[in-house]
Amino acid sequence: MKKKNNPQQSTRQLMGITEITEYSLKTASSEAVFFSVKPCNISILSEESLSGKIYSLMSVLKGVAEIEFLCLNSRESFESNKNFLRSRIAKEENPAVRSLLEQDIQYLDHIQAQTATAREFLLVVRIRGLKDKEIFSYLNRIEKILTENGFTVRRYAREDIKTLLAVYYEQNVTTEMFENHDGERWLIHERKTHN
């Protein structure tokens, strides 16, 4: 019986990513552009101001039907670490080790409490059926609509998109950013000497 040739897929192939450009994330079916929206503290807004914000958002949605919303953590999640420590505490017989494990959980709780509001609010626009020369005017129009309606936005660049992927898929912002190519960090670049 013959074994089928099953070449390994890269991380990007598994996620369906074909390219990360200077301003977008391309997949086989579409191209996504990300706009970061600076959040406002609605708990301090008056009822009229809050109604105004809601109306502004409605105006944006009427003007740009292609917008999708994405809310995610912009910091690491420690829940799996804390669950592991809890399971270790349950099995641990040595009181001194148990105490150390409990201190680790308290430390992770402290870090998480400091970054509890570390959320990223993104507007995602999928580009479909536009020619290259039309894309930037389309994106500029969307950005103008958002700013005219009182939203502070910033279009994501390549490094921002790579960071987004690293946090979303790895839940980690402390390691190297998402690589341009799988295994890129392990490459050793040889210096060429010229005579």
N, C-alpha and C. Protein backbone atom coordinates (compact mmCIF):
# COMPACT_ATOMS: atom_id res chain seq x y z
N MET A 1 0.82 -1.16 0.00
CA MET A 1 0.00 0.00 0.00
C MET A 1 0.88 1.25 0.00
N LYS A 2 0.62 2.18 -0.92
CA LYS A 2 1.43 3.38 -1.05
C LYS A 2 0.94 4.45 -0.09
N LYS A 3 1.91 5.14 0.48
CA LYS A 3 1.56 6.28 1.31
C LYS A 3 1.36 7.49 0.43
N LYS A 4 0.36 8.28 0.75
CA LYS A 4 0.11 9.50 -0.01
C LYS A 4 1.12 10.56 0.39
N ASN A 5 1.60 11.28 -0.60
CA ASN A 5 2.51 12.38 -0.32
C ASN A 5 1.71 13.52 0.31
N ASN A 6 1.99 13.82 1.56
CA ASN A 6 1.23 14.83 2.28
C ASN A 6 2.19 15.92 2.76
N PRO A 7 2.48 16.89 1.87
CA PRO A 7 3.43 17.93 2.28
C PRO A 7 2.86 18.75 3.44
N GLN A 8 3.76 19.15 4.34
CA GLN A 8 3.31 19.93 5.49
C GLN A 8 2.95 21.34 5.03
N GLN A 9 1.87 21.86 5.63
CA GLN A 9 1.44 23.21 5.30
C GLN A 9 2.08 24.20 6.25
N SER A 10 2.32 25.40 5.76
CA SER A 10 2.84 26.45 6.63
C SER A 10 1.70 26.96 7.50
N THR A 11 2.05 27.72 8.54
CA THR A 11 1.06 28.30 9.43
C THR A 11 0.09 29.18 8.65
N ARG A 12 0.64 29.96 7.75
CA ARG A 12 -0.21 30.85 6.96
C ARG A 12 -1.17 30.07 6.07
N GLN A 13 -0.71 28.97 5.49
CA GLN A 13 -1.60 28.16 4.66
C GLN A 13 -2.73 27.58 5.50
N LEU A 14 -2.41 27.14 6.71
CA LEU A 14 -3.44 26.58 7.59
C LEU A 14 -4.48 27.64 7.97
N MET A 15 -4.05 28.90 8.09
CA MET A 15 -4.97 29.98 8.43
C MET A 15 -5.63 30.58 7.20
N GLY A 16 -5.18 30.18 6.02
CA GLY A 16 -5.77 30.69 4.79
C GLY A 16 -5.22 32.04 4.36
N ILE A 17 -4.11 32.45 4.94
CA ILE A 17 -3.49 33.75 4.60
C ILE A 17 -2.58 33.57 3.40
N THR A 18 -2.78 34.40 2.39
CA THR A 18 -1.89 34.34 1.23
C THR A 18 -0.80 35.39 1.29
N GLU A 19 -1.10 36.54 1.94
CA GLU A 19 -0.11 37.61 2.00
C GLU A 19 -0.51 38.65 3.05
N ILE A 20 0.51 39.23 3.68
CA ILE A 20 0.30 40.39 4.55
C ILE A 20 0.96 41.55 3.82
N THR A 21 0.15 42.49 3.35
CA THR A 21 0.69 43.62 2.60
C THR A 21 1.00 44.76 3.57
N GLU A 22 1.37 45.89 3.04
CA GLU A 22 1.68 47.05 3.88
C GLU A 22 0.44 47.58 4.60
N TYR A 23 -0.76 47.22 4.15
CA TYR A 23 -1.98 47.76 4.75
C TYR A 23 -3.10 46.74 4.91
N SER A 24 -2.88 45.46 4.50
CA SER A 24 -4.00 44.51 4.55
C SER A 24 -3.54 43.08 4.77
N LEU A 25 -4.54 42.25 5.02
CA LEU A 25 -4.34 40.81 5.16
C LEU A 25 -5.11 40.14 4.04
N LYS A 26 -4.40 39.42 3.17
CA LYS A 26 -5.05 38.79 2.02
C LYS A 26 -5.27 37.31 2.27
N THR A 27 -6.48 36.87 1.91
CA THR A 27 -6.80 35.44 1.92
C THR A 27 -7.26 35.08 0.52
N ALA A 28 -7.57 33.82 0.29
CA ALA A 28 -8.01 33.39 -1.03
C ALA A 28 -9.33 34.04 -1.42
N SER A 29 -10.17 34.34 -0.43
CA SER A 29 -11.51 34.86 -0.74
C SER A 29 -11.63 36.38 -0.66
N SER A 30 -10.75 37.04 0.09
CA SER A 30 -10.89 38.50 0.23
C SER A 30 -9.61 39.13 0.74
N GLU A 31 -9.67 40.43 0.89
CA GLU A 31 -8.57 41.21 1.45
C GLU A 31 -9.16 42.04 2.58
N ALA A 32 -8.57 41.96 3.78
CA ALA A 32 -9.12 42.66 4.94
C ALA A 32 -8.19 43.80 5.34
N VAL A 33 -8.79 44.97 5.58
CA VAL A 33 -8.08 46.13 6.08
C VAL A 33 -8.63 46.42 7.47
N PHE A 34 -7.74 46.73 8.41
CA PHE A 34 -8.13 46.92 9.81
C PHE A 34 -7.96 48.39 10.21
N PHE A 35 -8.98 48.92 10.87
CA PHE A 35 -8.92 50.26 11.45
C PHE A 35 -9.06 50.12 12.95
N SER A 36 -8.10 50.65 13.69
CA SER A 36 -8.17 50.65 15.15
C SER A 36 -8.99 51.85 15.58
N VAL A 37 -9.96 51.61 16.45
CA VAL A 37 -10.82 52.69 16.94
C VAL A 37 -10.46 52.96 18.39
N LYS A 38 -10.16 54.22 18.68
CA LYS A 38 -9.84 54.60 20.06
C LYS A 38 -11.14 54.61 20.85
N PRO A 39 -11.24 53.77 21.90
CA PRO A 39 -12.50 53.72 22.66
C PRO A 39 -12.67 54.95 23.53
N CYS A 40 -13.91 55.28 23.83
CA CYS A 40 -14.19 56.36 24.78
C CYS A 40 -14.87 55.74 26.00
N ASN A 41 -14.70 56.37 27.12
CA ASN A 41 -15.27 55.87 28.37
C ASN A 41 -16.74 56.30 28.43
N ILE A 42 -17.63 55.37 28.07
CA ILE A 42 -19.06 55.74 28.02
C ILE A 42 -19.67 55.91 29.39
N SER A 43 -18.98 55.42 30.44
CA SER A 43 -19.54 55.55 31.79
C SER A 43 -19.53 57.00 32.28
N ILE A 44 -18.72 57.85 31.66
CA ILE A 44 -18.68 59.25 32.09
C ILE A 44 -19.45 60.18 31.14
N LEU A 45 -20.00 59.60 30.06
CA LEU A 45 -20.76 60.42 29.12
C LEU A 45 -22.18 60.68 29.63
N SER A 46 -22.68 61.85 29.29
CA SER A 46 -24.07 62.14 29.62
C SER A 46 -24.97 61.32 28.70
N GLU A 47 -26.24 61.25 29.04
CA GLU A 47 -27.19 60.49 28.22
C GLU A 47 -27.25 61.05 26.80
N GLU A 48 -27.19 62.37 26.66
CA GLU A 48 -27.23 63.01 25.34
C GLU A 48 -25.99 62.67 24.52
N SER A 49 -24.82 62.71 25.18
CA SER A 49 -23.57 62.38 24.49
C SER A 49 -23.56 60.93 24.04
N LEU A 50 -24.06 60.05 24.89
CA LEU A 50 -24.12 58.63 24.55
C LEU A 50 -25.06 58.40 23.37
N SER A 51 -26.20 59.08 23.38
CA SER A 51 -27.14 58.98 22.24
C SER A 51 -26.48 59.49 20.96
N GLY A 52 -25.68 60.56 21.10
CA GLY A 52 -24.96 61.11 19.95
C GLY A 52 -23.96 60.11 19.38
N LYS A 53 -23.25 59.40 20.27
CA LYS A 53 -22.29 58.38 19.83
C LYS A 53 -23.00 57.25 19.08
N ILE A 54 -24.13 56.82 19.62
CA ILE A 54 -24.91 55.75 18.98
C ILE A 54 -25.39 56.20 17.60
N TYR A 55 -25.87 57.43 17.52
CA TYR A 55 -26.32 57.97 16.24
C TYR A 55 -25.16 58.06 15.24
N SER A 56 -23.98 58.47 15.71
CA SER A 56 -22.80 58.55 14.85
C SER A 56 -22.44 57.17 14.30
N LEU A 57 -22.50 56.16 15.16
CA LEU A 57 -22.20 54.80 14.72
C LEU A 57 -23.22 54.34 13.68
N MET A 58 -24.49 54.67 13.91
CA MET A 58 -25.53 54.34 12.92
C MET A 58 -25.23 55.00 11.58
N SER A 59 -24.80 56.25 11.61
CA SER A 59 -24.47 56.97 10.38
C SER A 59 -23.33 56.30 9.63
N VAL A 60 -22.33 55.85 10.38
CA VAL A 60 -21.19 55.15 9.75
C VAL A 60 -21.67 53.86 9.10
N LEU A 61 -22.49 53.11 9.82
CA LEU A 61 -22.96 51.83 9.29
C LEU A 61 -23.85 52.01 8.06
N LYS A 62 -24.60 53.11 8.03
CA LYS A 62 -25.41 53.39 6.83
C LYS A 62 -24.51 53.73 5.65
N GLY A 63 -23.44 54.45 5.93
CA GLY A 63 -22.54 54.89 4.86
C GLY A 63 -21.60 53.82 4.37
N VAL A 64 -21.24 52.89 5.24
CA VAL A 64 -20.29 51.83 4.87
C VAL A 64 -20.83 50.50 5.37
N ALA A 65 -21.59 49.83 4.53
CA ALA A 65 -22.23 48.57 4.94
C ALA A 65 -21.24 47.43 5.08
N GLU A 66 -20.04 47.57 4.49
CA GLU A 66 -19.06 46.48 4.49
C GLU A 66 -18.29 46.35 5.79
N ILE A 67 -18.52 47.25 6.75
CA ILE A 67 -17.73 47.23 7.98
C ILE A 67 -18.13 46.06 8.87
N GLU A 68 -17.11 45.38 9.40
CA GLU A 68 -17.29 44.33 10.40
C GLU A 68 -16.62 44.82 11.68
N PHE A 69 -17.08 44.34 12.83
CA PHE A 69 -16.51 44.74 14.11
C PHE A 69 -15.71 43.59 14.70
N LEU A 70 -14.61 43.94 15.34
CA LEU A 70 -13.77 42.94 15.98
C LEU A 70 -13.30 43.52 17.30
N CYS A 71 -13.56 42.81 18.39
CA CYS A 71 -13.10 43.22 19.70
C CYS A 71 -12.29 42.07 20.27
N LEU A 72 -11.05 42.35 20.64
CA LEU A 72 -10.21 41.28 21.16
C LEU A 72 -9.24 41.82 22.19
N ASN A 73 -8.61 40.91 22.89
CA ASN A 73 -7.62 41.32 23.88
C ASN A 73 -6.38 41.83 23.17
N SER A 74 -5.81 42.89 23.72
CA SER A 74 -4.54 43.35 23.16
C SER A 74 -3.39 42.96 24.08
N ARG A 75 -3.70 42.12 25.05
CA ARG A 75 -2.69 41.60 25.97
C ARG A 75 -2.88 40.10 26.11
N GLU A 76 -1.88 39.47 26.73
CA GLU A 76 -1.92 38.03 26.91
C GLU A 76 -3.05 37.61 27.84
N SER A 77 -3.54 36.42 27.62
CA SER A 77 -4.52 35.84 28.53
C SER A 77 -3.80 34.80 29.39
N PHE A 78 -4.02 34.85 30.70
CA PHE A 78 -3.34 33.94 31.62
C PHE A 78 -4.25 32.83 32.14
N GLU A 79 -5.44 32.71 31.56
CA GLU A 79 -6.40 31.73 32.08
C GLU A 79 -5.88 30.30 32.03
N SER A 80 -5.25 29.91 30.94
CA SER A 80 -4.74 28.53 30.86
C SER A 80 -3.62 28.31 31.88
N ASN A 81 -2.79 29.34 32.11
CA ASN A 81 -1.74 29.23 33.13
C ASN A 81 -2.35 29.05 34.51
N LYS A 82 -3.39 29.85 34.81
CA LYS A 82 -4.03 29.78 36.12
C LYS A 82 -4.75 28.44 36.31
N ASN A 83 -5.37 27.95 35.27
CA ASN A 83 -6.02 26.63 35.37
C ASN A 83 -5.00 25.53 35.65
N PHE A 84 -3.84 25.63 34.99
CA PHE A 84 -2.78 24.65 35.23
C PHE A 84 -2.31 24.72 36.68
N LEU A 85 -2.10 25.95 37.17
CA LEU A 85 -1.65 26.11 38.56
C LEU A 85 -2.69 25.58 39.55
N ARG A 86 -3.96 25.81 39.28
CA ARG A 86 -5.03 25.28 40.16
C ARG A 86 -5.01 23.76 40.19
N SER A 87 -4.80 23.13 39.03
CA SER A 87 -4.75 21.66 39.01
C SER A 87 -3.52 21.15 39.76
N ARG A 88 -2.41 21.89 39.69
CA ARG A 88 -1.20 21.51 40.44
C ARG A 88 -1.43 21.64 41.94
N ILE A 89 -2.14 22.71 42.34
CA ILE A 89 -2.42 22.92 43.77
C ILE A 89 -3.27 21.77 44.30
N ALA A 90 -4.26 21.35 43.51
CA ALA A 90 -5.14 20.26 43.94
C ALA A 90 -4.38 18.95 44.14
N LYS A 91 -3.33 18.74 43.36
CA LYS A 91 -2.55 17.50 43.45
C LYS A 91 -1.36 17.59 44.41
N GLU A 92 -0.95 18.81 44.70
CA GLU A 92 0.27 19.01 45.50
C GLU A 92 0.05 18.70 46.97
N GLU A 93 0.97 17.91 47.55
CA GLU A 93 0.87 17.52 48.95
C GLU A 93 1.73 18.39 49.85
N ASN A 94 2.77 18.97 49.30
CA ASN A 94 3.69 19.80 50.08
C ASN A 94 3.09 21.19 50.28
N PRO A 95 2.82 21.59 51.53
CA PRO A 95 2.19 22.90 51.80
C PRO A 95 3.03 24.09 51.31
N ALA A 96 4.34 23.99 51.38
CA ALA A 96 5.20 25.08 50.94
C ALA A 96 5.08 25.29 49.43
N VAL A 97 5.05 24.20 48.68
CA VAL A 97 4.92 24.28 47.22
C VAL A 97 3.53 24.80 46.87
N ARG A 98 2.50 24.31 47.61
CA ARG A 98 1.13 24.77 47.39
C ARG A 98 1.03 26.29 47.59
N SER A 99 1.70 26.78 48.63
CA SER A 99 1.70 28.22 48.91
C SER A 99 2.37 29.01 47.77
N LEU A 100 3.45 28.48 47.25
CA LEU A 100 4.13 29.14 46.12
C LEU A 100 3.25 29.18 44.88
N LEU A 101 2.55 28.08 44.62
CA LEU A 101 1.64 28.02 43.48
C LEU A 101 0.50 29.03 43.63
N GLU A 102 -0.01 29.16 44.86
CA GLU A 102 -1.08 30.13 45.12
C GLU A 102 -0.57 31.57 44.91
N GLN A 103 0.68 31.81 45.29
CA GLN A 103 1.28 33.13 45.07
C GLN A 103 1.43 33.41 43.57
N ASP A 104 1.75 32.38 42.80
CA ASP A 104 1.83 32.54 41.34
C ASP A 104 0.48 32.94 40.76
N ILE A 105 -0.59 32.31 41.25
CA ILE A 105 -1.93 32.65 40.76
C ILE A 105 -2.27 34.10 41.13
N GLN A 106 -1.94 34.50 42.36
CA GLN A 106 -2.19 35.89 42.77
C GLN A 106 -1.43 36.87 41.90
N TYR A 107 -0.20 36.52 41.57
CA TYR A 107 0.61 37.39 40.70
C TYR A 107 -0.03 37.52 39.32
N LEU A 108 -0.48 36.40 38.75
CA LEU A 108 -1.14 36.44 37.44
C LEU A 108 -2.44 37.23 37.50
N ASP A 109 -3.18 37.09 38.62
CA ASP A 109 -4.40 37.89 38.81
C ASP A 109 -4.07 39.38 38.83
N HIS A 110 -2.98 39.72 39.50
CA HIS A 110 -2.55 41.12 39.59
C HIS A 110 -2.23 41.67 38.20
N ILE A 111 -1.48 40.92 37.41
CA ILE A 111 -1.13 41.36 36.05
C ILE A 111 -2.40 41.51 35.22
N GLN A 112 -3.29 40.53 35.33
CA GLN A 112 -4.52 40.57 34.54
C GLN A 112 -5.42 41.74 34.94
N ALA A 113 -5.44 42.06 36.23
CA ALA A 113 -6.25 43.19 36.69
C ALA A 113 -5.71 44.51 36.13
N GLN A 114 -4.40 44.61 36.00
CA GLN A 114 -3.80 45.82 35.45
C GLN A 114 -4.11 46.00 33.98
N THR A 115 -4.32 44.90 33.27
CA THR A 115 -4.58 44.98 31.83
C THR A 115 -6.02 44.58 31.49
N ALA A 116 -6.90 44.66 32.49
CA ALA A 116 -8.29 44.21 32.28
C ALA A 116 -8.98 45.01 31.19
N THR A 117 -8.62 46.27 31.06
CA THR A 117 -9.28 47.10 30.04
C THR A 117 -8.48 47.15 28.75
N ALA A 118 -7.50 46.27 28.62
CA ALA A 118 -6.65 46.27 27.42
C ALA A 118 -7.38 45.54 26.29
N ARG A 119 -8.36 46.21 25.74
CA ARG A 119 -9.12 45.66 24.62
C ARG A 119 -8.79 46.45 23.38
N GLU A 120 -8.87 45.77 22.28
CA GLU A 120 -8.62 46.39 20.99
C GLU A 120 -9.95 46.37 20.23
N PHE A 121 -10.37 47.53 19.75
CA PHE A 121 -11.61 47.62 18.99
C PHE A 121 -11.24 47.93 17.55
N LEU A 122 -11.58 47.01 16.67
CA LEU A 122 -11.19 47.15 15.28
C LEU A 122 -12.41 47.15 14.37
N LEU A 123 -12.32 47.93 13.33
CA LEU A 123 -13.28 47.87 12.24
C LEU A 123 -12.56 47.17 11.10
N VAL A 124 -13.21 46.18 10.54
CA VAL A 124 -12.61 45.41 9.45
C VAL A 124 -13.39 45.70 8.18
N VAL A 125 -12.66 46.05 7.14
CA VAL A 125 -13.27 46.30 5.83
C VAL A 125 -12.69 45.29 4.85
N ARG A 126 -13.56 44.54 4.23
CA ARG A 126 -13.12 43.55 3.24
C ARG A 126 -13.18 44.18 1.85
N ILE A 127 -12.08 44.07 1.16
CA ILE A 127 -11.99 44.65 -0.18
C ILE A 127 -12.28 43.55 -1.19
N ARG A 128 -13.33 43.74 -1.94
CA ARG A 128 -13.69 42.76 -2.97
C ARG A 128 -14.04 43.50 -4.25
N GLY A 129 -13.50 43.05 -5.36
CA GLY A 129 -13.89 43.58 -6.66
C GLY A 129 -13.40 44.98 -6.98
N LEU A 130 -12.38 45.45 -6.27
CA LEU A 130 -11.82 46.77 -6.57
C LEU A 130 -10.48 46.63 -7.26
N LYS A 131 -10.21 47.52 -8.17
CA LYS A 131 -8.90 47.55 -8.82
C LYS A 131 -7.91 48.21 -7.87
N ASP A 132 -6.63 47.90 -8.05
CA ASP A 132 -5.60 48.42 -7.16
C ASP A 132 -5.66 49.93 -7.02
N LYS A 133 -5.89 50.65 -8.10
CA LYS A 133 -5.89 52.11 -8.05
C LYS A 133 -7.12 52.67 -7.33
N GLU A 134 -8.16 51.85 -7.14
CA GLU A 134 -9.38 52.29 -6.46
C GLU A 134 -9.34 52.05 -4.94
N ILE A 135 -8.44 51.18 -4.51
CA ILE A 135 -8.43 50.74 -3.11
C ILE A 135 -8.17 51.90 -2.15
N PHE A 136 -7.13 52.69 -2.41
CA PHE A 136 -6.77 53.74 -1.44
C PHE A 136 -7.81 54.84 -1.36
N SER A 137 -8.42 55.19 -2.49
CA SER A 137 -9.47 56.21 -2.40
C SER A 137 -10.67 55.67 -1.63
N TYR A 138 -10.97 54.38 -1.78
CA TYR A 138 -12.05 53.74 -1.04
C TYR A 138 -11.76 53.75 0.47
N LEU A 139 -10.52 53.37 0.83
CA LEU A 139 -10.14 53.34 2.24
C LEU A 139 -10.10 54.75 2.83
N ASN A 140 -9.62 55.71 2.06
CA ASN A 140 -9.60 57.10 2.54
C ASN A 140 -11.01 57.63 2.77
N ARG A 141 -11.95 57.23 1.90
CA ARG A 141 -13.35 57.64 2.06
C ARG A 141 -13.92 57.07 3.36
N ILE A 142 -13.62 55.82 3.65
CA ILE A 142 -14.10 55.19 4.89
C ILE A 142 -13.50 55.89 6.10
N GLU A 143 -12.21 56.16 6.04
CA GLU A 143 -11.54 56.84 7.15
C GLU A 143 -12.13 58.23 7.37
N LYS A 144 -12.46 58.92 6.28
CA LYS A 144 -13.07 60.25 6.38
C LYS A 144 -14.45 60.18 7.02
N ILE A 145 -15.25 59.19 6.62
CA ILE A 145 -16.59 59.01 7.20
C ILE A 145 -16.47 58.77 8.71
N LEU A 146 -15.52 57.95 9.11
CA LEU A 146 -15.34 57.64 10.54
C LEU A 146 -14.92 58.88 11.32
N THR A 147 -13.96 59.63 10.82
CA THR A 147 -13.50 60.82 11.55
C THR A 147 -14.56 61.91 11.57
N GLU A 148 -15.31 62.05 10.48
CA GLU A 148 -16.38 63.06 10.45
C GLU A 148 -17.49 62.75 11.45
N ASN A 149 -17.62 61.49 11.81
CA ASN A 149 -18.63 61.08 12.78
C ASN A 149 -18.07 60.97 14.20
N GLY A 150 -16.89 61.55 14.41
CA GLY A 150 -16.35 61.66 15.76
C GLY A 150 -15.54 60.48 16.26
N PHE A 151 -15.14 59.57 15.38
CA PHE A 151 -14.34 58.43 15.81
C PHE A 151 -12.86 58.68 15.51
N THR A 152 -12.01 58.35 16.47
CA THR A 152 -10.57 58.46 16.28
C THR A 152 -10.07 57.11 15.79
N VAL A 153 -9.62 57.05 14.54
CA VAL A 153 -9.22 55.77 13.95
C VAL A 153 -7.80 55.86 13.40
N ARG A 154 -7.21 54.68 13.28
CA ARG A 154 -5.88 54.55 12.67
C ARG A 154 -5.87 53.28 11.84
N ARG A 155 -5.45 53.41 10.61
CA ARG A 155 -5.39 52.23 9.73
C ARG A 155 -4.17 51.40 10.11
N TYR A 156 -4.37 50.09 10.25
CA TYR A 156 -3.28 49.19 10.60
C TYR A 156 -2.29 49.06 9.45
N ALA A 157 -1.01 49.04 9.81
CA ALA A 157 0.06 48.77 8.85
C ALA A 157 0.49 47.31 9.03
N ARG A 158 1.45 46.88 8.24
CA ARG A 158 1.90 45.48 8.25
C ARG A 158 2.28 45.00 9.66
N GLU A 159 3.09 45.76 10.39
CA GLU A 159 3.53 45.32 11.72
C GLU A 159 2.36 45.23 12.70
N ASP A 160 1.40 46.14 12.57
CA ASP A 160 0.20 46.07 13.41
C ASP A 160 -0.58 44.78 13.15
N ILE A 161 -0.70 44.42 11.88
CA ILE A 161 -1.44 43.21 11.50
C ILE A 161 -0.72 41.97 12.03
N LYS A 162 0.61 41.97 11.93
CA LYS A 162 1.38 40.85 12.45
C LYS A 162 1.23 40.72 13.97
N THR A 163 1.20 41.86 14.68
CA THR A 163 0.99 41.84 16.12
C THR A 163 -0.41 41.32 16.44
N LEU A 164 -1.40 41.77 15.68
CA LEU A 164 -2.77 41.29 15.84
C LEU A 164 -2.84 39.77 15.72
N LEU A 165 -2.19 39.22 14.72
CA LEU A 165 -2.18 37.76 14.52
C LEU A 165 -1.46 37.05 15.66
N ALA A 166 -0.36 37.63 16.11
CA ALA A 166 0.39 37.01 17.21
C ALA A 166 -0.45 36.95 18.48
N VAL A 167 -1.15 38.04 18.79
CA VAL A 167 -1.99 38.06 20.00
C VAL A 167 -3.18 37.13 19.83
N TYR A 168 -3.82 37.19 18.67
CA TYR A 168 -5.03 36.40 18.45
C TYR A 168 -4.75 34.90 18.42
N TYR A 169 -3.71 34.49 17.69
CA TYR A 169 -3.44 33.05 17.56
C TYR A 169 -2.54 32.50 18.65
N GLU A 170 -1.57 33.30 19.11
CA GLU A 170 -0.64 32.79 20.12
C GLU A 170 -0.98 33.27 21.51
N GLN A 171 -1.89 34.28 21.63
CA GLN A 171 -2.21 34.91 22.92
C GLN A 171 -0.93 35.38 23.60
N ASN A 172 -0.03 35.98 22.80
CA ASN A 172 1.27 36.35 23.33
C ASN A 172 1.77 37.61 22.65
N VAL A 173 2.05 38.65 23.42
CA VAL A 173 2.62 39.85 22.84
C VAL A 173 4.05 40.06 23.30
N THR A 174 4.58 39.14 24.10
CA THR A 174 5.93 39.33 24.62
C THR A 174 6.99 38.66 23.76
N THR A 175 6.59 37.79 22.84
CA THR A 175 7.57 37.15 21.97
C THR A 175 7.75 37.96 20.71
N GLU A 176 8.55 37.43 19.81
CA GLU A 176 8.76 38.08 18.52
C GLU A 176 7.43 38.26 17.82
N MET A 177 7.34 39.29 17.01
CA MET A 177 6.12 39.54 16.25
C MET A 177 5.88 38.39 15.27
N PHE A 178 4.69 38.32 14.77
CA PHE A 178 4.31 37.31 13.78
C PHE A 178 5.29 37.39 12.62
N GLU A 179 5.84 36.27 12.21
CA GLU A 179 6.90 36.26 11.19
C GLU A 179 6.35 36.49 9.79
N ASN A 180 7.18 37.08 8.94
CA ASN A 180 6.81 37.24 7.54
C ASN A 180 6.74 35.88 6.86
N HIS A 181 7.63 34.96 7.24
CA HIS A 181 7.67 33.61 6.69
C HIS A 181 7.87 32.62 7.84
N ASP A 182 7.24 31.44 7.76
CA ASP A 182 7.40 30.45 8.81
C ASP A 182 8.87 30.13 9.04
N GLY A 183 9.29 30.14 10.30
CA GLY A 183 10.66 29.79 10.64
C GLY A 183 11.68 30.89 10.40
N GLU A 184 11.20 32.08 10.06
CA GLU A 184 12.10 33.18 9.71
C GLU A 184 13.09 33.49 10.83
N ARG A 185 12.65 33.38 12.09
CA ARG A 185 13.53 33.73 13.21
C ARG A 185 14.69 32.75 13.38
N TRP A 186 14.58 31.58 12.75
CA TRP A 186 15.62 30.57 12.91
C TRP A 186 16.67 30.64 11.80
N LEU A 187 16.46 31.47 10.81
CA LEU A 187 17.42 31.60 9.72
C LEU A 187 18.68 32.29 10.21
N ILE A 188 19.79 31.79 9.77
CA ILE A 188 21.07 32.43 10.07
C ILE A 188 21.54 33.05 8.77
N HIS A 189 21.66 34.36 8.78
CA HIS A 189 22.08 35.06 7.57
C HIS A 189 23.61 35.11 7.52
N GLU A 190 24.16 34.58 6.44
CA GLU A 190 25.61 34.59 6.28
C GLU A 190 26.03 35.91 5.69
N ARG A 191 27.14 36.43 6.19
CA ARG A 191 27.65 37.67 5.64
C ARG A 191 28.49 37.35 4.43
N LYS A 192 28.23 38.12 3.38
CA LYS A 192 29.02 37.93 2.17
C LYS A 192 30.19 38.88 2.21
N THR A 193 31.35 38.34 1.95
CA THR A 193 32.55 39.19 1.92
C THR A 193 32.95 39.41 0.48
N HIS A 194 33.29 40.64 0.18
CA HIS A 194 33.71 40.99 -1.16
C HIS A 194 35.20 41.28 -1.14
N ASN A 195 35.90 40.73 -2.11
CA ASN A 195 37.34 40.98 -2.20
C ASN A 195 37.61 42.18 -3.07
